[in-house]
Amino acid sequence: MSRAEGAANAGLDPRVTLARPDLAAAELEGRVSAERYVALREKVVCMPVAPVTATPDGGAGMTTQLLFGERVLVAEEDGHWAWVQGALDGYVGYVPLNCIDDPELMGAAAPSHRVTAVSTHVYPAPDFKSRPGGALSFGARLAVAEAVRGNQADFAALASGGFVPLSHVAPLAAPASDWVAEAERLVGVPYLWGGRSALGIDCSGLVQLALQAAGRDCPRDSDQQAAVLGTDLPRGAKPARGDLVFWKGHVGIMLNGTRLLHANIHHMAVAAEPLAAARRRIAAAPAGAVTRIARLDGEAPPD
């Protein structure tokens, strides 16, 4: 029996259920059948972007990505892989073991800030002329120890080591006020199936990252989002900024009453286009007709 079959037989979504026939999270005992149950250990993503796959296979397609500083709950470490559940959205999968580390080795402090720039560099010193040791994506989570004055700019000193420009981060306690504007920051980012970073992103990853920047919970996949986000617009009602348009396997964000923003294969990028044009094109593709247009809870209708 496969991992997916084991969770499905229990009536649970295997994408967000940390259970296999041989192993499951201790909290699932009594809800799923497994040979043994284990307490989960928290680790932290230590690479800029970590791929997640449904099987421990370097050639498998990505199901999602984890970003630097995100917490994961680890059920198993075996060889080069860890079987984990993301703390932000509950998504389950296998991540390369070298992409996660113990919180103590990452500075131990909980994340305090998020990256607001499309990408930012991590410098070894608070000096923009120093050679960066890497780059972090929009949405990465950082434990900032302090703000320091550097060479002509202010920097955030990270608990895990290194410095990023202070203007490229914001406190998690001060979420963005306009989640659609956060999504617009990523216009031009290449399309990538399973992508969830400034290096590449898919349709539901764009929605998720933008909502998370505004401090709002959001599931990972478009069908999960369609099931829980917002309230259906009445038939014939005109869409407005922030409404979500769903197809089978696809989702986009309305920028206003007529234009749609989405990460899509046609443009191979995050792009804006008339909703009418997208509907005509997608209707001829496997996704077919629009299945739902939803207004997020708390979003005011246009005047």
C-alpha atoms as a PDB file:
ATOM      1  CA  MET A   1       0.000   0.000   0.000  1.00  0.00           C
ATOM      2  CA  SER A   2       1.364   3.433  -0.911  1.00  0.00           C
ATOM      3  CA  ARG A   3       1.635   6.433   1.387  1.00  0.00           C
ATOM      4  CA  ALA A   4      -1.200   8.100  -0.508  1.00  0.00           C
ATOM      5  CA  GLU A   5      -3.419   5.002  -0.257  1.00  0.00           C
ATOM      6  CA  GLY A   6      -2.790   4.700   3.463  1.00  0.00           C
ATOM      7  CA  ALA A   7      -3.897   8.260   4.165  1.00  0.00           C
ATOM      8  CA  ALA A   8      -6.752   8.114   1.663  1.00  0.00           C
ATOM      9  CA  ASN A   9      -8.174   4.987   3.314  1.00  0.00           C
ATOM     10  CA  ALA A  10      -8.401   6.981   6.533  1.00  0.00           C
ATOM     11  CA  GLY A  11     -10.330   9.738   4.759  1.00  0.00           C
ATOM     12  CA  LEU A  12      -7.431  12.156   5.074  1.00  0.00           C
ATOM     13  CA  ASP A  13      -5.598  14.158   2.419  1.00  0.00           C
ATOM     14  CA  PRO A  14      -2.116  12.600   2.045  1.00  0.00           C
ATOM     15  CA  ARG A  15      -0.695  16.012   1.100  1.00  0.00           C
ATOM     16  CA  VAL A  16      -1.276  17.251   4.641  1.00  0.00           C
ATOM     17  CA  THR A  17      -1.267  13.984   6.596  1.00  0.00           C
ATOM     18  CA  LEU A  18       2.057  12.804   7.967  1.00  0.00           C
ATOM     19  CA  ALA A  19       1.226   9.111   7.705  1.00  0.00           C
ATOM     20  CA  ARG A  20       2.448   6.045   5.814  1.00  0.00           C
ATOM     21  CA  PRO A  21       1.564   2.404   6.428  1.00  0.00           C
ATOM     22  CA  ASP A  22       4.838   1.962   8.305  1.00  0.00           C
ATOM     23  CA  LEU A  23       5.089   5.312  10.088  1.00  0.00           C
ATOM     24  CA  ALA A  24       2.908   8.193  11.272  1.00  0.00           C
ATOM     25  CA  ALA A  25       3.045  11.228  13.528  1.00  0.00           C
ATOM     26  CA  ALA A  26       2.232  10.380  17.144  1.00  0.00           C
ATOM     27  CA  GLU A  27      -0.656  12.867  17.105  1.00  0.00           C
ATOM     28  CA  LEU A  28      -2.379  10.739  14.436  1.00  0.00           C
ATOM     29  CA  GLU A  29      -2.527   7.594  16.558  1.00  0.00           C
ATOM     30  CA  GLY A  30      -6.126   6.457  16.658  1.00  0.00           C
ATOM     31  CA  ARG A  31      -6.927   8.251  13.397  1.00  0.00           C
ATOM     32  CA  VAL A  32      -4.659   6.352  10.998  1.00  0.00           C
ATOM     33  CA  SER A  33      -3.213   2.863  11.042  1.00  0.00           C
ATOM     34  CA  ALA A  34       0.568   2.573  11.020  1.00  0.00           C
ATOM     35  CA  GLU A  35       3.186   0.137  12.249  1.00  0.00           C
ATOM     36  CA  ARG A  36       4.622   2.781  14.581  1.00  0.00           C
ATOM     37  CA  TYR A  37       4.067   6.369  15.647  1.00  0.00           C
ATOM     38  CA  VAL A  38       6.802   8.909  16.330  1.00  0.00           C
ATOM     39  CA  ALA A  39       7.113  12.234  18.089  1.00  0.00           C
ATOM     40  CA  LEU A  40       8.048  14.977  15.659  1.00  0.00           C
ATOM     41  CA  ARG A  41      11.212  17.075  15.893  1.00  0.00           C
ATOM     42  CA  GLU A  42      11.418  20.676  14.748  1.00  0.00           C
ATOM     43  CA  LYS A  43      14.074  21.729  12.278  1.00  0.00           C
ATOM     44  CA  VAL A  44      14.690  24.837  10.191  1.00  0.00           C
ATOM     45  CA  VAL A  45      15.283  25.263   6.469  1.00  0.00           C
ATOM     46  CA  CYS A  46      18.910  26.364   6.101  1.00  0.00           C
ATOM     47  CA  MET A  47      19.100  26.682   2.304  1.00  0.00           C
ATOM     48  CA  PRO A  48      17.640  29.586   0.305  1.00  0.00           C
ATOM     49  CA  VAL A  49      15.135  27.202  -1.328  1.00  0.00           C
ATOM     50  CA  ALA A  50      14.515  23.549  -0.489  1.00  0.00           C
ATOM     51  CA  PRO A  51      12.709  21.243  -2.950  1.00  0.00           C
ATOM     52  CA  VAL A  52       9.940  18.996  -1.635  1.00  0.00           C
ATOM     53  CA  THR A  53       8.942  15.790  -3.407  1.00  0.00           C
ATOM     54  CA  ALA A  54       6.304  13.129  -2.819  1.00  0.00           C
ATOM     55  CA  THR A  55       8.948  10.391  -2.830  1.00  0.00           C
ATOM     56  CA  PRO A  56      12.606  10.283  -1.684  1.00  0.00           C
ATOM     57  CA  ASP A  57      13.878  10.481  -5.227  1.00  0.00           C
ATOM     58  CA  GLY A  58      16.221  13.099  -6.641  1.00  0.00           C
ATOM     59  CA  GLY A  59      14.572  12.727 -10.030  1.00  0.00           C
ATOM     60  CA  ALA A  60      11.006  13.193  -8.791  1.00  0.00           C
ATOM     61  CA  GLY A  61       9.054  16.290  -9.688  1.00  0.00           C
ATOM     62  CA  MET A  62       8.626  18.942  -7.026  1.00  0.00           C
ATOM     63  CA  THR A  63       5.350  19.194  -5.164  1.00  0.00           C
ATOM     64  CA  THR A  64       6.357  22.429  -3.425  1.00  0.00           C
ATOM     65  CA  GLN A  65       9.320  24.320  -1.998  1.00  0.00           C
ATOM     66  CA  LEU A  66      10.342  25.482   1.456  1.00  0.00           C
ATOM     67  CA  LEU A  67      12.089  28.789   2.024  1.00  0.00           C
ATOM     68  CA  PHE A  68      14.978  29.740   4.283  1.00  0.00           C
ATOM     69  CA  GLY A  69      13.934  30.070   7.909  1.00  0.00           C
ATOM     70  CA  GLU A  70      10.701  28.102   7.628  1.00  0.00           C
ATOM     71  CA  ARG A  71      10.113  25.502  10.303  1.00  0.00           C
ATOM     72  CA  VAL A  72       9.423  21.850   9.511  1.00  0.00           C
ATOM     73  CA  LEU A  73       8.330  18.955  11.684  1.00  0.00           C
ATOM     74  CA  VAL A  74      10.480  15.892  11.014  1.00  0.00           C
ATOM     75  CA  ALA A  75       9.131  12.354  11.296  1.00  0.00           C
ATOM     76  CA  GLU A  76      12.066  10.497   9.759  1.00  0.00           C
ATOM     77  CA  GLU A  77      15.625  10.993   8.562  1.00  0.00           C
ATOM     78  CA  ASP A  78      16.841   8.252   6.273  1.00  0.00           C
ATOM     79  CA  GLY A  79      19.947   8.416   4.108  1.00  0.00           C
ATOM     80  CA  HIS A  80      19.916  11.708   2.261  1.00  0.00           C
ATOM     81  CA  TRP A  81      16.255  12.508   2.929  1.00  0.00           C
ATOM     82  CA  ALA A  82      13.967  13.759   5.663  1.00  0.00           C
ATOM     83  CA  TRP A  83      10.226  13.135   5.712  1.00  0.00           C
ATOM     84  CA  VAL A  84       8.655  16.330   6.977  1.00  0.00           C
ATOM     85  CA  GLN A  85       5.570  18.463   7.370  1.00  0.00           C
ATOM     86  CA  GLY A  86       5.812  22.205   6.788  1.00  0.00           C
ATOM     87  CA  ALA A  87       4.811  24.219   9.839  1.00  0.00           C
ATOM     88  CA  LEU A  88       3.180  27.002   7.785  1.00  0.00           C
ATOM     89  CA  ASP A  89       0.797  25.037   5.597  1.00  0.00           C
ATOM     90  CA  GLY A  90       1.038  21.449   6.815  1.00  0.00           C
ATOM     91  CA  TYR A  91       2.302  20.161   3.458  1.00  0.00           C
ATOM     92  CA  VAL A  92       3.994  16.764   3.672  1.00  0.00           C
ATOM     93  CA  GLY A  93       6.896  15.492   1.607  1.00  0.00           C
ATOM     94  CA  TYR A  94      10.550  14.577   1.373  1.00  0.00           C
ATOM     95  CA  VAL A  95      13.271  17.206   1.539  1.00  0.00           C
ATOM     96  CA  PRO A  96      17.034  16.704   1.103  1.00  0.00           C
ATOM     97  CA  LEU A  97      18.563  16.290   4.528  1.00  0.00           C
ATOM     98  CA  ASN A  98      21.202  18.951   3.888  1.00  0.00           C
ATOM     99  CA  CYS A  99      18.445  21.556   3.435  1.00  0.00           C
ATOM    100  CA  ILE A 100      17.361  21.494   7.089  1.00  0.00           C
ATOM    101  CA  ASP A 101      19.212  22.017  10.346  1.00  0.00           C
ATOM    102  CA  ASP A 102      18.680  22.107  14.092  1.00  0.00           C
ATOM    103  CA  PRO A 103      17.282  25.415  15.393  1.00  0.00           C
ATOM    104  CA  GLU A 104      20.241  25.726  17.771  1.00  0.00           C
ATOM    105  CA  LEU A 105      22.652  25.770  14.845  1.00  0.00           C
ATOM    106  CA  MET A 106      20.548  28.439  13.133  1.00  0.00           C
ATOM    107  CA  GLY A 107      20.693  30.828  16.063  1.00  0.00           C
ATOM    108  CA  ALA A 108      17.780  29.161  17.914  1.00  0.00           C
ATOM    109  CA  ALA A 109      15.663  32.331  17.840  1.00  0.00           C
ATOM    110  CA  ALA A 110      12.238  32.112  16.242  1.00  0.00           C
ATOM    111  CA  PRO A 111      11.777  34.028  12.979  1.00  0.00           C
ATOM    112  CA  SER A 112      11.022  37.687  13.574  1.00  0.00           C
ATOM    113  CA  HIS A 113      11.095  39.128  10.040  1.00  0.00           C
ATOM    114  CA  ARG A 114      10.256  38.222   6.450  1.00  0.00           C
ATOM    115  CA  VAL A 115      11.991  39.190   3.224  1.00  0.00           C
ATOM    116  CA  THR A 116       9.899  41.782   1.385  1.00  0.00           C
ATOM    117  CA  ALA A 117      12.164  42.345  -1.626  1.00  0.00           C
ATOM    118  CA  VAL A 118      11.824  39.960  -4.563  1.00  0.00           C
ATOM    119  CA  SER A 119      15.268  38.747  -3.524  1.00  0.00           C
ATOM    120  CA  THR A 120      18.020  39.981  -1.254  1.00  0.00           C
ATOM    121  CA  HIS A 121      21.693  39.219  -0.674  1.00  0.00           C
ATOM    122  CA  VAL A 122      23.227  37.926   2.531  1.00  0.00           C
ATOM    123  CA  TYR A 123      26.504  39.721   3.240  1.00  0.00           C
ATOM    124  CA  PRO A 124      29.298  38.558   5.567  1.00  0.00           C
ATOM    125  CA  ALA A 125      29.594  42.089   6.970  1.00  0.00           C
ATOM    126  CA  PRO A 126      27.340  45.173   7.084  1.00  0.00           C
ATOM    127  CA  ASP A 127      29.006  46.475   3.945  1.00  0.00           C
ATOM    128  CA  PHE A 128      27.389  46.492   0.509  1.00  0.00           C
ATOM    129  CA  LYS A 129      30.857  46.141  -1.052  1.00  0.00           C
ATOM    130  CA  SER A 130      31.512  42.836   0.708  1.00  0.00           C
ATOM    131  CA  ARG A 131      31.023  39.699  -1.349  1.00  0.00           C
ATOM    132  CA  PRO A 132      27.590  38.136  -0.682  1.00  0.00           C
ATOM    133  CA  GLY A 133      27.488  34.544   0.442  1.00  0.00           C
ATOM    134  CA  GLY A 134      24.060  33.871  -1.018  1.00  0.00           C
ATOM    135  CA  ALA A 135      20.631  35.247  -1.787  1.00  0.00           C
ATOM    136  CA  LEU A 136      17.204  34.809  -0.196  1.00  0.00           C
ATOM    137  CA  SER A 137      13.777  34.927  -1.784  1.00  0.00           C
ATOM    138  CA  PHE A 138      10.691  36.966  -1.115  1.00  0.00           C
ATOM    139  CA  GLY A 139       8.935  35.317   1.816  1.00  0.00           C
ATOM    140  CA  ALA A 140      12.023  33.848   3.483  1.00  0.00           C
ATOM    141  CA  ARG A 141      11.837  34.018   7.270  1.00  0.00           C
ATOM    142  CA  LEU A 142      14.650  35.519   9.306  1.00  0.00           C
ATOM    143  CA  ALA A 143      15.583  35.744  12.959  1.00  0.00           C
ATOM    144  CA  VAL A 144      16.960  39.276  13.207  1.00  0.00           C
ATOM    145  CA  ALA A 145      19.238  39.846  16.183  1.00  0.00           C
ATOM    146  CA  GLU A 146      19.574  43.613  15.763  1.00  0.00           C
ATOM    147  CA  ALA A 147      19.698  46.477  13.300  1.00  0.00           C
ATOM    148  CA  VAL A 148      23.172  47.857  12.665  1.00  0.00           C
ATOM    149  CA  ARG A 149      24.538  50.803  10.750  1.00  0.00           C
ATOM    150  CA  GLY A 150      26.810  49.662   7.965  1.00  0.00           C
ATOM    151  CA  ASN A 151      28.580  51.100   4.979  1.00  0.00           C
ATOM    152  CA  GLN A 152      26.088  53.754   3.786  1.00  0.00           C
ATOM    153  CA  ALA A 153      23.095  51.585   4.674  1.00  0.00           C
ATOM    154  CA  ASP A 154      21.355  49.956   7.612  1.00  0.00           C
ATOM    155  CA  PHE A 155      21.518  46.180   7.870  1.00  0.00           C
ATOM    156  CA  ALA A 156      19.668  43.472   9.763  1.00  0.00           C
ATOM    157  CA  ALA A 157      22.112  41.219  11.616  1.00  0.00           C
ATOM    158  CA  LEU A 158      20.810  37.649  11.466  1.00  0.00           C
ATOM    159  CA  ALA A 159      20.920  35.298  14.432  1.00  0.00           C
ATOM    160  CA  SER A 160      22.156  32.596  12.034  1.00  0.00           C
ATOM    161  CA  GLY A 161      24.965  34.840  10.820  1.00  0.00           C
ATOM    162  CA  GLY A 162      25.231  37.349   8.020  1.00  0.00           C
ATOM    163  CA  PHE A 163      23.598  40.654   7.211  1.00  0.00           C
ATOM    164  CA  VAL A 164      20.789  41.673   4.861  1.00  0.00           C
ATOM    165  CA  PRO A 165      19.712  45.213   3.959  1.00  0.00           C
ATOM    166  CA  LEU A 166      17.246  46.410   6.548  1.00  0.00           C
ATOM    167  CA  SER A 167      15.083  47.923   3.810  1.00  0.00           C
ATOM    168  CA  HIS A 168      14.543  44.417   2.385  1.00  0.00           C
ATOM    169  CA  VAL A 169      12.833  42.989   5.482  1.00  0.00           C
ATOM    170  CA  ALA A 170       9.774  43.692   7.609  1.00  0.00           C
ATOM    171  CA  PRO A 171       8.654  42.351  10.998  1.00  0.00           C
ATOM    172  CA  LEU A 172       6.305  39.393  10.922  1.00  0.00           C
ATOM    173  CA  ALA A 173       4.305  41.321  13.493  1.00  0.00           C
ATOM    174  CA  ALA A 174       3.642  44.017  10.871  1.00  0.00           C
ATOM    175  CA  PRO A 175       2.094  42.122   7.928  1.00  0.00           C
ATOM    176  CA  ALA A 176       1.530  43.787   4.566  1.00  0.00           C
ATOM    177  CA  SER A 177      -1.720  45.724   4.268  1.00  0.00           C
ATOM    178  CA  ASP A 178      -2.327  44.940   0.575  1.00  0.00           C
ATOM    179  CA  TRP A 179      -1.760  41.299  -0.294  1.00  0.00           C
ATOM    180  CA  VAL A 180      -2.468  41.880  -3.985  1.00  0.00           C
ATOM    181  CA  ALA A 181       0.349  44.438  -4.122  1.00  0.00           C
ATOM    182  CA  GLU A 182       2.606  41.769  -2.623  1.00  0.00           C
ATOM    183  CA  ALA A 183       1.689  39.425  -5.474  1.00  0.00           C
ATOM    184  CA  GLU A 184       2.411  42.194  -7.988  1.00  0.00           C
ATOM    185  CA  ARG A 185       5.996  42.369  -6.725  1.00  0.00           C
ATOM    186  CA  LEU A 186       6.547  38.997  -8.383  1.00  0.00           C
ATOM    187  CA  VAL A 187       5.513  39.995 -11.907  1.00  0.00           C
ATOM    188  CA  GLY A 188       8.061  38.522 -14.313  1.00  0.00           C
ATOM    189  CA  VAL A 189       9.184  35.705 -12.020  1.00  0.00           C
ATOM    190  CA  PRO A 190       9.482  32.546 -14.159  1.00  0.00           C
ATOM    191  CA  TYR A 191       6.773  29.910 -13.974  1.00  0.00           C
ATOM    192  CA  LEU A 192       7.904  26.742 -12.200  1.00  0.00           C
ATOM    193  CA  TRP A 193       5.715  23.761 -11.358  1.00  0.00           C
ATOM    194  CA  GLY A 194       5.888  23.351  -7.587  1.00  0.00           C
ATOM    195  CA  GLY A 195       7.789  26.628  -7.310  1.00  0.00           C
ATOM    196  CA  ARG A 196       7.292  28.940  -4.389  1.00  0.00           C
ATOM    197  CA  SER A 197      10.155  31.417  -4.659  1.00  0.00           C
ATOM    198  CA  ALA A 198      11.499  34.353  -6.641  1.00  0.00           C
ATOM    199  CA  LEU A 199      13.477  31.851  -8.729  1.00  0.00           C
ATOM    200  CA  GLY A 200      10.275  30.251  -9.979  1.00  0.00           C
ATOM    201  CA  ILE A 201       6.669  30.014  -8.876  1.00  0.00           C
ATOM    202  CA  ASP A 202       3.399  28.359  -9.812  1.00  0.00           C
ATOM    203  CA  CYS A 203      -0.147  29.730  -9.675  1.00  0.00           C
ATOM    204  CA  SER A 204      -1.084  28.593  -6.181  1.00  0.00           C
ATOM    205  CA  GLY A 205       2.389  29.405  -4.856  1.00  0.00           C
ATOM    206  CA  LEU A 206       1.860  33.021  -5.920  1.00  0.00           C
ATOM    207  CA  VAL A 207      -1.448  33.214  -4.048  1.00  0.00           C
ATOM    208  CA  GLN A 208       0.017  31.533  -0.979  1.00  0.00           C
ATOM    209  CA  LEU A 209       3.150  33.684  -0.727  1.00  0.00           C
ATOM    210  CA  ALA A 210       1.175  36.906  -1.175  1.00  0.00           C
ATOM    211  CA  LEU A 211      -1.404  35.994   1.463  1.00  0.00           C
ATOM    212  CA  GLN A 212       1.294  34.844   3.890  1.00  0.00           C
ATOM    213  CA  ALA A 213       3.026  38.212   3.453  1.00  0.00           C
ATOM    214  CA  ALA A 214      -0.204  39.764   4.705  1.00  0.00           C
ATOM    215  CA  GLY A 215      -0.257  37.433   7.697  1.00  0.00           C
ATOM    216  CA  ARG A 216      -3.051  35.246   6.335  1.00  0.00           C
ATOM    217  CA  ASP A 217      -3.067  31.447   6.357  1.00  0.00           C
ATOM    218  CA  CYS A 218      -3.331  29.802   2.964  1.00  0.00           C
ATOM    219  CA  PRO A 219      -3.111  26.162   1.859  1.00  0.00           C
ATOM    220  CA  ARG A 220      -0.630  25.189  -0.836  1.00  0.00           C
ATOM    221  CA  ASP A 221      -2.494  23.788  -3.852  1.00  0.00           C
ATOM    222  CA  SER A 222      -5.180  25.465  -5.943  1.00  0.00           C
ATOM    223  CA  ASP A 223      -7.850  22.841  -5.192  1.00  0.00           C
ATOM    224  CA  GLN A 224      -7.177  23.245  -1.463  1.00  0.00           C
ATOM    225  CA  GLN A 225      -7.421  27.011  -1.845  1.00  0.00           C
ATOM    226  CA  ALA A 226     -10.664  26.726  -3.813  1.00  0.00           C
ATOM    227  CA  ALA A 227     -12.134  24.602  -1.018  1.00  0.00           C
ATOM    228  CA  VAL A 228     -11.493  27.034   1.844  1.00  0.00           C
ATOM    229  CA  LEU A 229     -10.753  30.581   0.653  1.00  0.00           C
ATOM    230  CA  GLY A 230     -13.420  33.241   0.416  1.00  0.00           C
ATOM    231  CA  THR A 231     -17.085  33.357  -0.500  1.00  0.00           C
ATOM    232  CA  ASP A 232     -18.529  32.740  -3.946  1.00  0.00           C
ATOM    233  CA  LEU A 233     -19.486  35.846  -5.895  1.00  0.00           C
ATOM    234  CA  PRO A 234     -23.155  35.943  -6.843  1.00  0.00           C
ATOM    235  CA  ARG A 235     -23.826  34.974 -10.450  1.00  0.00           C
ATOM    236  CA  GLY A 236     -23.355  37.998 -12.687  1.00  0.00           C
ATOM    237  CA  ALA A 237     -21.453  40.028 -10.069  1.00  0.00           C
ATOM    238  CA  LYS A 238     -18.426  41.909 -11.382  1.00  0.00           C
ATOM    239  CA  PRO A 239     -15.058  40.787 -10.013  1.00  0.00           C
ATOM    240  CA  ALA A 240     -12.970  43.255  -8.017  1.00  0.00           C
ATOM    241  CA  ARG A 241      -9.374  43.639  -6.903  1.00  0.00           C
ATOM    242  CA  GLY A 242      -8.371  40.726  -4.703  1.00  0.00           C
ATOM    243  CA  ASP A 243     -10.977  38.279  -5.941  1.00  0.00           C
ATOM    244  CA  LEU A 244      -9.677  34.808  -6.771  1.00  0.00           C
ATOM    245  CA  VAL A 245     -10.578  33.095 -10.031  1.00  0.00           C
ATOM    246  CA  PHE A 246     -10.372  29.307 -10.029  1.00  0.00           C
ATOM    247  CA  TRP A 247     -10.175  26.761 -12.809  1.00  0.00           C
ATOM    248  CA  LYS A 248      -9.558  23.050 -12.417  1.00  0.00           C
ATOM    249  CA  GLY A 249      -5.905  23.054 -11.358  1.00  0.00           C
ATOM    250  CA  HIS A 250      -5.367  26.798 -11.737  1.00  0.00           C
ATOM    251  CA  VAL A 251      -5.928  30.049  -9.850  1.00  0.00           C
ATOM    252  CA  GLY A 252      -5.413  33.746 -10.536  1.00  0.00           C
ATOM    253  CA  ILE A 253      -5.813  37.054  -8.716  1.00  0.00           C
ATOM    254  CA  MET A 254      -7.952  39.924  -9.966  1.00  0.00           C
ATOM    255  CA  LEU A 255      -6.057  43.241 -10.089  1.00  0.00           C
ATOM    256  CA  ASN A 256      -9.269  45.127 -10.835  1.00  0.00           C
ATOM    257  CA  GLY A 257     -12.594  44.355 -12.493  1.00  0.00           C
ATOM    258  CA  THR A 258     -11.026  43.144 -15.739  1.00  0.00           C
ATOM    259  CA  ARG A 259      -7.351  42.176 -15.310  1.00  0.00           C
ATOM    260  CA  LEU A 260      -6.018  38.914 -13.943  1.00  0.00           C
ATOM    261  CA  LEU A 261      -2.594  38.285 -12.392  1.00  0.00           C
ATOM    262  CA  HIS A 262      -1.389  34.701 -12.446  1.00  0.00           C
ATOM    263  CA  ALA A 263       1.662  32.490 -12.781  1.00  0.00           C
ATOM    264  CA  ASN A 264       0.921  30.551 -15.932  1.00  0.00           C
ATOM    265  CA  ILE A 265       2.425  28.304 -18.588  1.00  0.00           C
ATOM    266  CA  HIS A 266       1.258  30.450 -21.515  1.00  0.00           C
ATOM    267  CA  HIS A 267       3.566  33.309 -20.448  1.00  0.00           C
ATOM    268  CA  MET A 268       5.922  30.992 -18.498  1.00  0.00           C
ATOM    269  CA  ALA A 269       5.946  33.752 -15.888  1.00  0.00           C
ATOM    270  CA  VAL A 270       3.855  35.727 -13.462  1.00  0.00           C
ATOM    271  CA  ALA A 271       1.927  38.023 -15.794  1.00  0.00           C
ATOM    272  CA  ALA A 272      -1.168  40.220 -15.935  1.00  0.00           C
ATOM    273  CA  GLU A 273      -3.664  40.021 -18.778  1.00  0.00           C
ATOM    274  CA  PRO A 274      -7.369  40.638 -19.413  1.00  0.00           C
ATOM    275  CA  LEU A 275      -9.516  38.069 -17.622  1.00  0.00           C
ATOM    276  CA  ALA A 276     -11.582  37.621 -20.790  1.00  0.00           C
ATOM    277  CA  ALA A 277      -8.483  36.634 -22.768  1.00  0.00           C
ATOM    278  CA  ALA A 278      -7.368  34.176 -20.103  1.00  0.00           C
ATOM    279  CA  ARG A 279     -10.829  32.608 -19.943  1.00  0.00           C
ATOM    280  CA  ARG A 280     -10.966  32.077 -23.697  1.00  0.00           C
ATOM    281  CA  ARG A 281      -7.516  30.517 -23.833  1.00  0.00           C
ATOM    282  CA  ILE A 282      -7.887  28.328 -20.754  1.00  0.00           C
ATOM    283  CA  ALA A 283     -11.341  27.131 -21.849  1.00  0.00           C
ATOM    284  CA  ALA A 284      -9.629  25.370 -24.745  1.00  0.00           C
ATOM    285  CA  ALA A 285      -7.075  23.759 -22.435  1.00  0.00           C
ATOM    286  CA  PRO A 286      -7.491  20.868 -19.953  1.00  0.00           C
ATOM    287  CA  ALA A 287      -8.421  23.308 -17.174  1.00  0.00           C
ATOM    288  CA  GLY A 288     -11.627  24.204 -19.035  1.00  0.00           C
ATOM    289  CA  ALA A 289     -14.090  26.789 -17.761  1.00  0.00           C
ATOM    290  CA  VAL A 290     -13.866  28.878 -14.606  1.00  0.00           C
ATOM    291  CA  THR A 291     -15.135  26.835 -11.672  1.00  0.00           C
ATOM    292  CA  ARG A 292     -15.339  29.540  -9.019  1.00  0.00           C
ATOM    293  CA  ILE A 293     -14.790  33.244  -8.383  1.00  0.00           C
ATOM    294  CA  ALA A 294     -14.360  34.031  -4.704  1.00  0.00           C
ATOM    295  CA  ARG A 295     -14.026  37.145  -2.577  1.00  0.00           C
ATOM    296  CA  LEU A 296     -11.798  36.685   0.443  1.00  0.00           C
ATOM    297  CA  ASP A 297     -13.350  37.063   3.833  1.00  0.00           C
ATOM    298  CA  GLY A 298     -12.803  40.570   5.148  1.00  0.00           C
ATOM    299  CA  GLU A 299     -12.311  42.058   1.672  1.00  0.00           C
ATOM    300  CA  ALA A 300     -14.677  44.967   1.060  1.00  0.00           C
ATOM    301  CA  PRO A 301     -16.591  45.059  -2.231  1.00  0.00           C
ATOM    302  CA  PRO A 302     -15.806  47.984  -4.552  1.00  0.00           C
ATOM    303  CA  ASP A 303     -17.734  51.204  -4.153  1.00  0.00           C
END
